[in-house]
Amino acid sequence: MNGPANSEPSGIQEEYDDQVLDARRARWTALGTGSLLTLAGLAAAALRAAGSAPTLVPAAYAFGAAVCALAAVLGSRGRTRRALWLLIVGVMVMALGDQFD
């Protein structure tokens, strides 16, 4: 009686542990990517503001960086799907702002 009956709960526990690790990895990935893109956007906004670019360009970089910062916060709280979409939107805003230069 100790054979298959005892191995099943440990298999469920291992699967649960794998899901927990995957969720933790997704949160850390969203946090790291959002932070990196935020810093890159802020650096680009500062460089463009110091140059002769139109005002819209550094504003777009700064707004895109703010969206990526929000994505990092949401990702660290477990809202990784929303964080992914916000990261995409933030990078698209930065790219669109670069087109005005």
PDB file of N, CA and C in Angstrom:
ATOM      1  N   MET A   1       0.799  -1.189   0.000  1.00  0.00           N
ATOM      2  CA  MET A   1       0.000   0.000   0.000  1.00  0.00           C
ATOM      3  C   MET A   1       0.853   1.269   0.000  1.00  0.00           C
ATOM      4  N   ASN A   2       2.095   1.154   0.349  1.00  0.00           N
ATOM      5  CA  ASN A   2       2.924   2.346   0.418  1.00  0.00           C
ATOM      6  C   ASN A   2       3.533   2.725  -0.928  1.00  0.00           C
ATOM      7  N   GLY A   3       3.422   1.924  -1.954  1.00  0.00           N
ATOM      8  CA  GLY A   3       4.045   2.175  -3.250  1.00  0.00           C
ATOM      9  C   GLY A   3       3.437   3.338  -4.010  1.00  0.00           C
ATOM     10  N   PRO A   4       2.465   3.087  -4.877  1.00  0.00           N
ATOM     11  CA  PRO A   4       1.932   4.132  -5.749  1.00  0.00           C
ATOM     12  C   PRO A   4       1.188   5.229  -4.993  1.00  0.00           C
ATOM     13  N   ALA A   5       0.550   4.909  -3.896  1.00  0.00           N
ATOM     14  CA  ALA A   5      -0.227   5.915  -3.177  1.00  0.00           C
ATOM     15  C   ALA A   5       0.672   7.005  -2.607  1.00  0.00           C
ATOM     16  N   ASN A   6       1.868   6.651  -2.134  1.00  0.00           N
ATOM     17  CA  ASN A   6       2.763   7.650  -1.575  1.00  0.00           C
ATOM     18  C   ASN A   6       3.540   8.410  -2.642  1.00  0.00           C
ATOM     19  N   SER A   7       3.752   7.822  -3.811  1.00  0.00           N
ATOM     20  CA  SER A   7       4.520   8.504  -4.842  1.00  0.00           C
ATOM     21  C   SER A   7       3.690   9.585  -5.535  1.00  0.00           C
ATOM     22  N   GLU A   8       2.378   9.446  -5.531  1.00  0.00           N
ATOM     23  CA  GLU A   8       1.546  10.430  -6.214  1.00  0.00           C
ATOM     24  C   GLU A   8       1.583  11.807  -5.543  1.00  0.00           C
ATOM     25  N   PRO A   9       1.444  11.907  -4.244  1.00  0.00           N
ATOM     26  CA  PRO A   9       1.519  13.244  -3.642  1.00  0.00           C
ATOM     27  C   PRO A   9       2.882  13.913  -3.829  1.00  0.00           C
ATOM     28  N   SER A  10       3.951  13.142  -3.819  1.00  0.00           N
ATOM     29  CA  SER A  10       5.257  13.764  -4.035  1.00  0.00           C
ATOM     30  C   SER A  10       5.382  14.265  -5.472  1.00  0.00           C
ATOM     31  N   GLY A  11       4.772  13.572  -6.429  1.00  0.00           N
ATOM     32  CA  GLY A  11       4.765  14.034  -7.818  1.00  0.00           C
ATOM     33  C   GLY A  11       3.980  15.330  -7.952  1.00  0.00           C
ATOM     34  N   ILE A  12       2.876  15.412  -7.241  1.00  0.00           N
ATOM     35  CA  ILE A  12       2.089  16.647  -7.253  1.00  0.00           C
ATOM     36  C   ILE A  12       2.889  17.776  -6.600  1.00  0.00           C
ATOM     37  N   GLN A  13       3.585  17.464  -5.526  1.00  0.00           N
ATOM     38  CA  GLN A  13       4.391  18.470  -4.835  1.00  0.00           C
ATOM     39  C   GLN A  13       5.525  18.964  -5.728  1.00  0.00           C
ATOM     40  N   GLU A  14       6.165  18.063  -6.470  1.00  0.00           N
ATOM     41  CA  GLU A  14       7.237  18.460  -7.378  1.00  0.00           C
ATOM     42  C   GLU A  14       6.705  19.357  -8.483  1.00  0.00           C
ATOM     43  N   GLU A  15       5.530  19.019  -9.005  1.00  0.00           N
ATOM     44  CA  GLU A  15       4.920  19.836 -10.051  1.00  0.00           C
ATOM     45  C   GLU A  15       4.578  21.223  -9.505  1.00  0.00           C
ATOM     46  N   TYR A  16       4.062  21.260  -8.294  1.00  0.00           N
ATOM     47  CA  TYR A  16       3.744  22.536  -7.658  1.00  0.00           C
ATOM     48  C   TYR A  16       5.012  23.358  -7.439  1.00  0.00           C
ATOM     49  N   ASP A  17       6.081  22.717  -6.994  1.00  0.00           N
ATOM     50  CA  ASP A  17       7.351  23.413  -6.792  1.00  0.00           C
ATOM     51  C   ASP A  17       7.891  23.982  -8.100  1.00  0.00           C
ATOM     52  N   ASP A  18       7.730  23.219  -9.200  1.00  0.00           N
ATOM     53  CA  ASP A  18       8.170  23.709 -10.504  1.00  0.00           C
ATOM     54  C   ASP A  18       7.366  24.940 -10.918  1.00  0.00           C
ATOM     55  N   GLN A  19       6.062  24.921 -10.656  1.00  0.00           N
ATOM     56  CA  GLN A  19       5.221  26.072 -10.992  1.00  0.00           C
ATOM     57  C   GLN A  19       5.606  27.291 -10.165  1.00  0.00           C
ATOM     58  N   VAL A  20       5.927  27.063  -8.919  1.00  0.00           N
ATOM     59  CA  VAL A  20       6.351  28.173  -8.054  1.00  0.00           C
ATOM     60  C   VAL A  20       7.659  28.766  -8.572  1.00  0.00           C
ATOM     61  N   LEU A  21       8.591  27.916  -8.959  1.00  0.00           N
ATOM     62  CA  LEU A  21       9.861  28.405  -9.499  1.00  0.00           C
ATOM     63  C   LEU A  21       9.668  29.151 -10.812  1.00  0.00           C
ATOM     64  N   ASP A  22       8.774  28.643 -11.666  1.00  0.00           N
ATOM     65  CA  ASP A  22       8.492  29.328 -12.928  1.00  0.00           C
ATOM     66  C   ASP A  22       7.883  30.707 -12.677  1.00  0.00           C
ATOM     67  N   ALA A  23       6.969  30.788 -11.729  1.00  0.00           N
ATOM     68  CA  ALA A  23       6.347  32.070 -11.408  1.00  0.00           C
ATOM     69  C   ALA A  23       7.373  33.045 -10.844  1.00  0.00           C
ATOM     70  N   ARG A  24       8.240  32.563  -9.978  1.00  0.00           N
ATOM     71  CA  ARG A  24       9.277  33.417  -9.402  1.00  0.00           C
ATOM     72  C   ARG A  24      10.232  33.900 -10.490  1.00  0.00           C
ATOM     73  N   ARG A  25      10.585  33.011 -11.405  1.00  0.00           N
ATOM     74  CA  ARG A  25      11.480  33.380 -12.498  1.00  0.00           C
ATOM     75  C   ARG A  25      10.824  34.430 -13.401  1.00  0.00           C
ATOM     76  N   ALA A  26       9.529  34.279 -13.658  1.00  0.00           N
ATOM     77  CA  ALA A  26       8.813  35.249 -14.486  1.00  0.00           C
ATOM     78  C   ALA A  26       8.760  36.616 -13.802  1.00  0.00           C
ATOM     79  N   ARG A  27       8.548  36.635 -12.490  1.00  0.00           N
ATOM     80  CA  ARG A  27       8.529  37.907 -11.762  1.00  0.00           C
ATOM     81  C   ARG A  27       9.891  38.592 -11.819  1.00  0.00           C
ATOM     82  N   TRP A  28      10.967  37.837 -11.588  1.00  0.00           N
ATOM     83  CA  TRP A  28      12.301  38.415 -11.630  1.00  0.00           C
ATOM     84  C   TRP A  28      12.660  38.888 -13.035  1.00  0.00           C
ATOM     85  N   THR A  29      12.243  38.165 -14.047  1.00  0.00           N
ATOM     86  CA  THR A  29      12.513  38.562 -15.429  1.00  0.00           C
ATOM     87  C   THR A  29      11.793  39.856 -15.767  1.00  0.00           C
ATOM     88  N   ALA A  30      10.526  39.950 -15.372  1.00  0.00           N
ATOM     89  CA  ALA A  30       9.768  41.175 -15.630  1.00  0.00           C
ATOM     90  C   ALA A  30      10.370  42.357 -14.884  1.00  0.00           C
ATOM     91  N   LEU A  31      10.780  42.139 -13.650  1.00  0.00           N
ATOM     92  CA  LEU A  31      11.393  43.203 -12.865  1.00  0.00           C
ATOM     93  C   LEU A  31      12.720  43.651 -13.478  1.00  0.00           C
ATOM     94  N   GLY A  32      13.551  42.701 -13.845  1.00  0.00           N
ATOM     95  CA  GLY A  32      14.852  43.042 -14.422  1.00  0.00           C
ATOM     96  C   GLY A  32      14.743  43.728 -15.768  1.00  0.00           C
ATOM     97  N   THR A  33      13.885  43.209 -16.626  1.00  0.00           N
ATOM     98  CA  THR A  33      13.718  43.798 -17.954  1.00  0.00           C
ATOM     99  C   THR A  33      13.110  45.188 -17.853  1.00  0.00           C
ATOM    100  N   GLY A  34      12.101  45.334 -17.007  1.00  0.00           N
ATOM    101  CA  GLY A  34      11.490  46.651 -16.824  1.00  0.00           C
ATOM    102  C   GLY A  34      12.468  47.671 -16.277  1.00  0.00           C
ATOM    103  N   SER A  35      13.285  47.258 -15.329  1.00  0.00           N
ATOM    104  CA  SER A  35      14.284  48.168 -14.757  1.00  0.00           C
ATOM    105  C   SER A  35      15.329  48.566 -15.788  1.00  0.00           C
ATOM    106  N   LEU A  36      15.799  47.599 -16.552  1.00  0.00           N
ATOM    107  CA  LEU A  36      16.802  47.878 -17.577  1.00  0.00           C
ATOM    108  C   LEU A  36      16.260  48.829 -18.642  1.00  0.00           C
ATOM    109  N   LEU A  37      15.031  48.582 -19.103  1.00  0.00           N
ATOM    110  CA  LEU A  37      14.446  49.457 -20.117  1.00  0.00           C
ATOM    111  C   LEU A  37      14.139  50.833 -19.556  1.00  0.00           C
ATOM    112  N   THR A  38      13.796  50.908 -18.276  1.00  0.00           N
ATOM    113  CA  THR A  38      13.572  52.204 -17.638  1.00  0.00           C
ATOM    114  C   THR A  38      14.859  53.018 -17.617  1.00  0.00           C
ATOM    115  N   LEU A  39      15.939  52.389 -17.192  1.00  0.00           N
ATOM    116  CA  LEU A  39      17.220  53.095 -17.163  1.00  0.00           C
ATOM    117  C   LEU A  39      17.666  53.517 -18.562  1.00  0.00           C
ATOM    118  N   ALA A  40      17.468  52.653 -19.544  1.00  0.00           N
ATOM    119  CA  ALA A  40      17.845  52.990 -20.918  1.00  0.00           C
ATOM    120  C   ALA A  40      17.003  54.161 -21.443  1.00  0.00           C
ATOM    121  N   GLY A  41      15.715  54.144 -21.142  1.00  0.00           N
ATOM    122  CA  GLY A  41      14.846  55.236 -21.578  1.00  0.00           C
ATOM    123  C   GLY A  41      15.194  56.554 -20.919  1.00  0.00           C
ATOM    124  N   LEU A  42      15.492  56.510 -19.621  1.00  0.00           N
ATOM    125  CA  LEU A  42      15.877  57.744 -18.925  1.00  0.00           C
ATOM    126  C   LEU A  42      17.210  58.278 -19.428  1.00  0.00           C
ATOM    127  N   ALA A  43      18.145  57.390 -19.695  1.00  0.00           N
ATOM    128  CA  ALA A  43      19.433  57.824 -20.243  1.00  0.00           C
ATOM    129  C   ALA A  43      19.255  58.443 -21.629  1.00  0.00           C
ATOM    130  N   ALA A  44      18.434  57.818 -22.456  1.00  0.00           N
ATOM    131  CA  ALA A  44      18.186  58.366 -23.793  1.00  0.00           C
ATOM    132  C   ALA A  44      17.463  59.707 -23.706  1.00  0.00           C
ATOM    133  N   ALA A  45      16.530  59.841 -22.769  1.00  0.00           N
ATOM    134  CA  ALA A  45      15.830  61.111 -22.595  1.00  0.00           C
ATOM    135  C   ALA A  45      16.793  62.203 -22.165  1.00  0.00           C
ATOM    136  N   ALA A  46      17.709  61.881 -21.269  1.00  0.00           N
ATOM    137  CA  ALA A  46      18.682  62.876 -20.814  1.00  0.00           C
ATOM    138  C   ALA A  46      19.624  63.279 -21.947  1.00  0.00           C
ATOM    139  N   LEU A  47      20.074  62.303 -22.729  1.00  0.00           N
ATOM    140  CA  LEU A  47      20.970  62.614 -23.851  1.00  0.00           C
ATOM    141  C   LEU A  47      20.262  63.450 -24.913  1.00  0.00           C
ATOM    142  N   ARG A  48      19.012  63.102 -25.194  1.00  0.00           N
ATOM    143  CA  ARG A  48      18.268  63.854 -26.216  1.00  0.00           C
ATOM    144  C   ARG A  48      17.889  65.242 -25.727  1.00  0.00           C
ATOM    145  N   ALA A  49      17.626  65.377 -24.425  1.00  0.00           N
ATOM    146  CA  ALA A  49      17.291  66.698 -23.878  1.00  0.00           C
ATOM    147  C   ALA A  49      18.503  67.621 -23.905  1.00  0.00           C
ATOM    148  N   ALA A  50      19.696  67.065 -23.741  1.00  0.00           N
ATOM    149  CA  ALA A  50      20.917  67.868 -23.767  1.00  0.00           C
ATOM    150  C   ALA A  50      21.280  68.290 -25.185  1.00  0.00           C
ATOM    151  N   GLY A  51      20.785  67.563 -26.169  1.00  0.00           N
ATOM    152  CA  GLY A  51      21.106  67.868 -27.558  1.00  0.00           C
ATOM    153  C   GLY A  51      20.109  68.839 -28.170  1.00  0.00           C
ATOM    154  N   SER A  52      20.069  68.833 -29.480  1.00  0.00           N
ATOM    155  CA  SER A  52      19.197  69.763 -30.208  1.00  0.00           C
ATOM    156  C   SER A  52      17.926  69.081 -30.717  1.00  0.00           C
ATOM    157  N   ALA A  53      17.511  68.015 -30.069  1.00  0.00           N
ATOM    158  CA  ALA A  53      16.318  67.291 -30.500  1.00  0.00           C
ATOM    159  C   ALA A  53      15.065  68.081 -30.118  1.00  0.00           C
ATOM    160  N   PRO A  54      13.990  67.925 -30.880  1.00  0.00           N
ATOM    161  CA  PRO A  54      12.727  68.566 -30.492  1.00  0.00           C
ATOM    162  C   PRO A  54      12.266  68.072 -29.114  1.00  0.00           C
ATOM    163  N   THR A  55      11.449  68.851 -28.455  1.00  0.00           N
ATOM    164  CA  THR A  55      11.009  68.539 -27.095  1.00  0.00           C
ATOM    165  C   THR A  55      10.239  67.228 -27.027  1.00  0.00           C
ATOM    166  N   LEU A  56       9.576  66.874 -28.094  1.00  0.00           N
ATOM    167  CA  LEU A  56       8.764  65.656 -28.108  1.00  0.00           C
ATOM    168  C   LEU A  56       9.620  64.396 -27.964  1.00  0.00           C
ATOM    169  N   VAL A  57      10.842  64.438 -28.449  1.00  0.00           N
ATOM    170  CA  VAL A  57      11.704  63.243 -28.420  1.00  0.00           C
ATOM    171  C   VAL A  57      12.092  62.852 -26.997  1.00  0.00           C
ATOM    172  N   PRO A  58      12.667  63.750 -26.179  1.00  0.00           N
ATOM    173  CA  PRO A  58      12.976  63.334 -24.804  1.00  0.00           C
ATOM    174  C   PRO A  58      11.729  63.042 -23.981  1.00  0.00           C
ATOM    175  N   ALA A  59      10.628  63.733 -24.291  1.00  0.00           N
ATOM    176  CA  ALA A  59       9.379  63.461 -23.580  1.00  0.00           C
ATOM    177  C   ALA A  59       8.882  62.050 -23.884  1.00  0.00           C
ATOM    178  N   ALA A  60       9.012  61.616 -25.134  1.00  0.00           N
ATOM    179  CA  ALA A  60       8.589  60.262 -25.495  1.00  0.00           C
ATOM    180  C   ALA A  60       9.467  59.219 -24.813  1.00  0.00           C
ATOM    181  N   TYR A  61      10.764  59.474 -24.754  1.00  0.00           N
ATOM    182  CA  TYR A  61      11.653  58.543 -24.051  1.00  0.00           C
ATOM    183  C   TYR A  61      11.314  58.481 -22.567  1.00  0.00           C
ATOM    184  N   ALA A  62      11.062  59.635 -21.965  1.00  0.00           N
ATOM    185  CA  ALA A  62      10.735  59.664 -20.537  1.00  0.00           C
ATOM    186  C   ALA A  62       9.401  58.981 -20.260  1.00  0.00           C
ATOM    187  N   PHE A  63       8.416  59.200 -21.124  1.00  0.00           N
ATOM    188  CA  PHE A  63       7.114  58.552 -20.940  1.00  0.00           C
ATOM    189  C   PHE A  63       7.244  57.043 -21.129  1.00  0.00           C
ATOM    190  N   GLY A  64       7.987  56.619 -22.131  1.00  0.00           N
ATOM    191  CA  GLY A  64       8.225  55.190 -22.334  1.00  0.00           C
ATOM    192  C   GLY A  64       8.954  54.564 -21.158  1.00  0.00           C
ATOM    193  N   ALA A  65       9.887  55.306 -20.581  1.00  0.00           N
ATOM    194  CA  ALA A  65      10.600  54.812 -19.394  1.00  0.00           C
ATOM    195  C   ALA A  65       9.644  54.688 -18.214  1.00  0.00           C
ATOM    196  N   ALA A  66       8.714  55.628 -18.073  1.00  0.00           N
ATOM    197  CA  ALA A  66       7.734  55.554 -16.985  1.00  0.00           C
ATOM    198  C   ALA A  66       6.819  54.348 -17.151  1.00  0.00           C
ATOM    199  N   VAL A  67       6.434  54.060 -18.383  1.00  0.00           N
ATOM    200  CA  VAL A  67       5.600  52.882 -18.643  1.00  0.00           C
ATOM    201  C   VAL A  67       6.378  51.611 -18.312  1.00  0.00           C
ATOM    202  N   CYS A  68       7.657  51.574 -18.656  1.00  0.00           N
ATOM    203  CA  CYS A  68       8.482  50.402 -18.336  1.00  0.00           C
ATOM    204  C   CYS A  68       8.691  50.262 -16.829  1.00  0.00           C
ATOM    205  N   ALA A  69       8.780  51.389 -16.124  1.00  0.00           N
ATOM    206  CA  ALA A  69       8.892  51.332 -14.660  1.00  0.00           C
ATOM    207  C   ALA A  69       7.615  50.758 -14.048  1.00  0.00           C
ATOM    208  N   LEU A  70       6.468  51.167 -14.569  1.00  0.00           N
ATOM    209  CA  LEU A  70       5.197  50.603 -14.109  1.00  0.00           C
ATOM    210  C   LEU A  70       5.141  49.107 -14.393  1.00  0.00           C
ATOM    211  N   ALA A  71       5.650  48.707 -15.543  1.00  0.00           N
ATOM    212  CA  ALA A  71       5.690  47.281 -15.884  1.00  0.00           C
ATOM    213  C   ALA A  71       6.579  46.512 -14.914  1.00  0.00           C
ATOM    214  N   ALA A  72       7.683  47.106 -14.515  1.00  0.00           N
ATOM    215  CA  ALA A  72       8.570  46.448 -13.553  1.00  0.00           C
ATOM    216  C   ALA A  72       7.877  46.248 -12.215  1.00  0.00           C
ATOM    217  N   VAL A  73       7.136  47.248 -11.789  1.00  0.00           N
ATOM    218  CA  VAL A  73       6.410  47.134 -10.521  1.00  0.00           C
ATOM    219  C   VAL A  73       5.331  46.058 -10.614  1.00  0.00           C
ATOM    220  N   LEU A  74       4.563  46.097 -11.697  1.00  0.00           N
ATOM    221  CA  LEU A  74       3.514  45.082 -11.859  1.00  0.00           C
ATOM    222  C   LEU A  74       4.106  43.682 -11.979  1.00  0.00           C
ATOM    223  N   GLY A  75       5.211  43.564 -12.677  1.00  0.00           N
ATOM    224  CA  GLY A  75       5.853  42.264 -12.838  1.00  0.00           C
ATOM    225  C   GLY A  75       6.361  41.711 -11.520  1.00  0.00           C
ATOM    226  N   SER A  76       6.886  42.582 -10.672  1.00  0.00           N
ATOM    227  CA  SER A  76       7.379  42.110  -9.378  1.00  0.00           C
ATOM    228  C   SER A  76       6.250  41.677  -8.462  1.00  0.00           C
ATOM    229  N   ARG A  77       5.043  42.162  -8.729  1.00  0.00           N
ATOM    230  CA  ARG A  77       3.872  41.778  -7.931  1.00  0.00           C
ATOM    231  C   ARG A  77       3.116  40.602  -8.525  1.00  0.00           C
ATOM    232  N   GLY A  78       3.653  40.021  -9.582  1.00  0.00           N
ATOM    233  CA  GLY A  78       3.056  38.817 -10.143  1.00  0.00           C
ATOM    234  C   GLY A  78       2.160  39.042 -11.343  1.00  0.00           C
ATOM    235  N   ARG A  79       1.998  40.258 -11.772  1.00  0.00           N
ATOM    236  CA  ARG A  79       1.168  40.569 -12.950  1.00  0.00           C
ATOM    237  C   ARG A  79       2.051  40.561 -14.193  1.00  0.00           C
ATOM    238  N   THR A  80       2.593  39.391 -14.505  1.00  0.00           N
ATOM    239  CA  THR A  80       3.614  39.318 -15.547  1.00  0.00           C
ATOM    240  C   THR A  80       3.043  39.495 -16.948  1.00  0.00           C
ATOM    241  N   ARG A  81       1.822  39.082 -17.195  1.00  0.00           N
ATOM    242  CA  ARG A  81       1.255  39.288 -18.539  1.00  0.00           C
ATOM    243  C   ARG A  81       1.032  40.758 -18.809  1.00  0.00           C
ATOM    244  N   ARG A  82       0.476  41.450 -17.838  1.00  0.00           N
ATOM    245  CA  ARG A  82       0.279  42.898 -18.004  1.00  0.00           C
ATOM    246  C   ARG A  82       1.632  43.593 -18.127  1.00  0.00           C
ATOM    247  N   ALA A  83       2.599  43.130 -17.372  1.00  0.00           N
ATOM    248  CA  ALA A  83       3.933  43.722 -17.432  1.00  0.00           C
ATOM    249  C   ALA A  83       4.542  43.551 -18.819  1.00  0.00           C
ATOM    250  N   LEU A  84       4.368  42.387 -19.409  1.00  0.00           N
ATOM    251  CA  LEU A  84       4.901  42.149 -20.756  1.00  0.00           C
ATOM    252  C   LEU A  84       4.301  43.126 -21.752  1.00  0.00           C
ATOM    253  N   TRP A  85       2.985  43.301 -21.700  1.00  0.00           N
ATOM    254  CA  TRP A  85       2.335  44.207 -22.638  1.00  0.00           C
ATOM    255  C   TRP A  85       2.745  45.655 -22.382  1.00  0.00           C
ATOM    256  N   LEU A  86       2.918  46.029 -21.129  1.00  0.00           N
ATOM    257  CA  LEU A  86       3.376  47.384 -20.838  1.00  0.00           C
ATOM    258  C   LEU A  86       4.816  47.601 -21.303  1.00  0.00           C
ATOM    259  N   LEU A  87       5.654  46.577 -21.197  1.00  0.00           N
ATOM    260  CA  LEU A  87       7.019  46.699 -21.711  1.00  0.00           C
ATOM    261  C   LEU A  87       7.004  46.922 -23.221  1.00  0.00           C
ATOM    262  N   ILE A  88       6.144  46.198 -23.899  1.00  0.00           N
ATOM    263  CA  ILE A  88       6.027  46.362 -25.355  1.00  0.00           C
ATOM    264  C   ILE A  88       5.566  47.772 -25.695  1.00  0.00           C
ATOM    265  N   VAL A  89       4.549  48.259 -24.981  1.00  0.00           N
ATOM    266  CA  VAL A  89       4.042  49.615 -25.222  1.00  0.00           C
ATOM    267  C   VAL A  89       5.113  50.655 -24.915  1.00  0.00           C
ATOM    268  N   GLY A  90       5.836  50.481 -23.824  1.00  0.00           N
ATOM    269  CA  GLY A  90       6.877  51.442 -23.466  1.00  0.00           C
ATOM    270  C   GLY A  90       7.973  51.535 -24.507  1.00  0.00           C
ATOM    271  N   VAL A  91       8.404  50.404 -25.011  1.00  0.00           N
ATOM    272  CA  VAL A  91       9.446  50.402 -26.049  1.00  0.00           C
ATOM    273  C   VAL A  91       8.899  50.998 -27.348  1.00  0.00           C
ATOM    274  N   MET A  92       7.635  50.725 -27.654  1.00  0.00           N
ATOM    275  CA  MET A  92       7.043  51.300 -28.870  1.00  0.00           C
ATOM    276  C   MET A  92       6.930  52.816 -28.764  1.00  0.00           C
ATOM    277  N   VAL A  93       6.600  53.328 -27.592  1.00  0.00           N
ATOM    278  CA  VAL A  93       6.537  54.782 -27.402  1.00  0.00           C
ATOM    279  C   VAL A  93       7.921  55.392 -27.587  1.00  0.00           C
ATOM    280  N   MET A  94       8.936  54.747 -27.027  1.00  0.00           N
ATOM    281  CA  MET A  94      10.303  55.250 -27.204  1.00  0.00           C
ATOM    282  C   MET A  94      10.710  55.223 -28.679  1.00  0.00           C
ATOM    283  N   ALA A  95      10.369  54.166 -29.370  1.00  0.00           N
ATOM    284  CA  ALA A  95      10.720  54.064 -30.799  1.00  0.00           C
ATOM    285  C   ALA A  95       9.965  55.096 -31.621  1.00  0.00           C
ATOM    286  N   LEU A  96       8.712  55.338 -31.269  1.00  0.00           N
ATOM    287  CA  LEU A  96       7.931  56.343 -31.985  1.00  0.00           C
ATOM    288  C   LEU A  96       8.501  57.741 -31.739  1.00  0.00           C
ATOM    289  N   GLY A  97       8.895  58.001 -30.504  1.00  0.00           N
ATOM    290  CA  GLY A  97       9.508  59.290 -30.201  1.00  0.00           C
ATOM    291  C   GLY A  97      10.815  59.487 -30.943  1.00  0.00           C
ATOM    292  N   ASP A  98      11.557  58.424 -31.165  1.00  0.00           N
ATOM    293  CA  ASP A  98      12.804  58.522 -31.903  1.00  0.00           C
ATOM    294  C   ASP A  98      12.562  58.877 -33.365  1.00  0.00           C
ATOM    295  N   GLN A  99      11.403  58.558 -33.880  1.00  0.00           N
ATOM    296  CA  GLN A  99      11.087  58.868 -35.274  1.00  0.00           C
ATOM    297  C   GLN A  99      10.896  60.371 -35.503  1.00  0.00           C
ATOM    298  N   PHE A 100      10.605  61.118 -34.450  1.00  0.00           N
ATOM    299  CA  PHE A 100      10.419  62.557 -34.579  1.00  0.00           C
ATOM    300  C   PHE A 100      11.721  63.332 -34.594  1.00  0.00           C
ATOM    301  N   ASP A 101      12.822  62.639 -34.430  1.00  0.00           N
ATOM    302  CA  ASP A 101      14.123  63.314 -34.416  1.00  0.00           C
ATOM    303  C   ASP A 101      14.629  63.546 -35.813  1.00  0.00           C
TER     304      ASP A 101
END
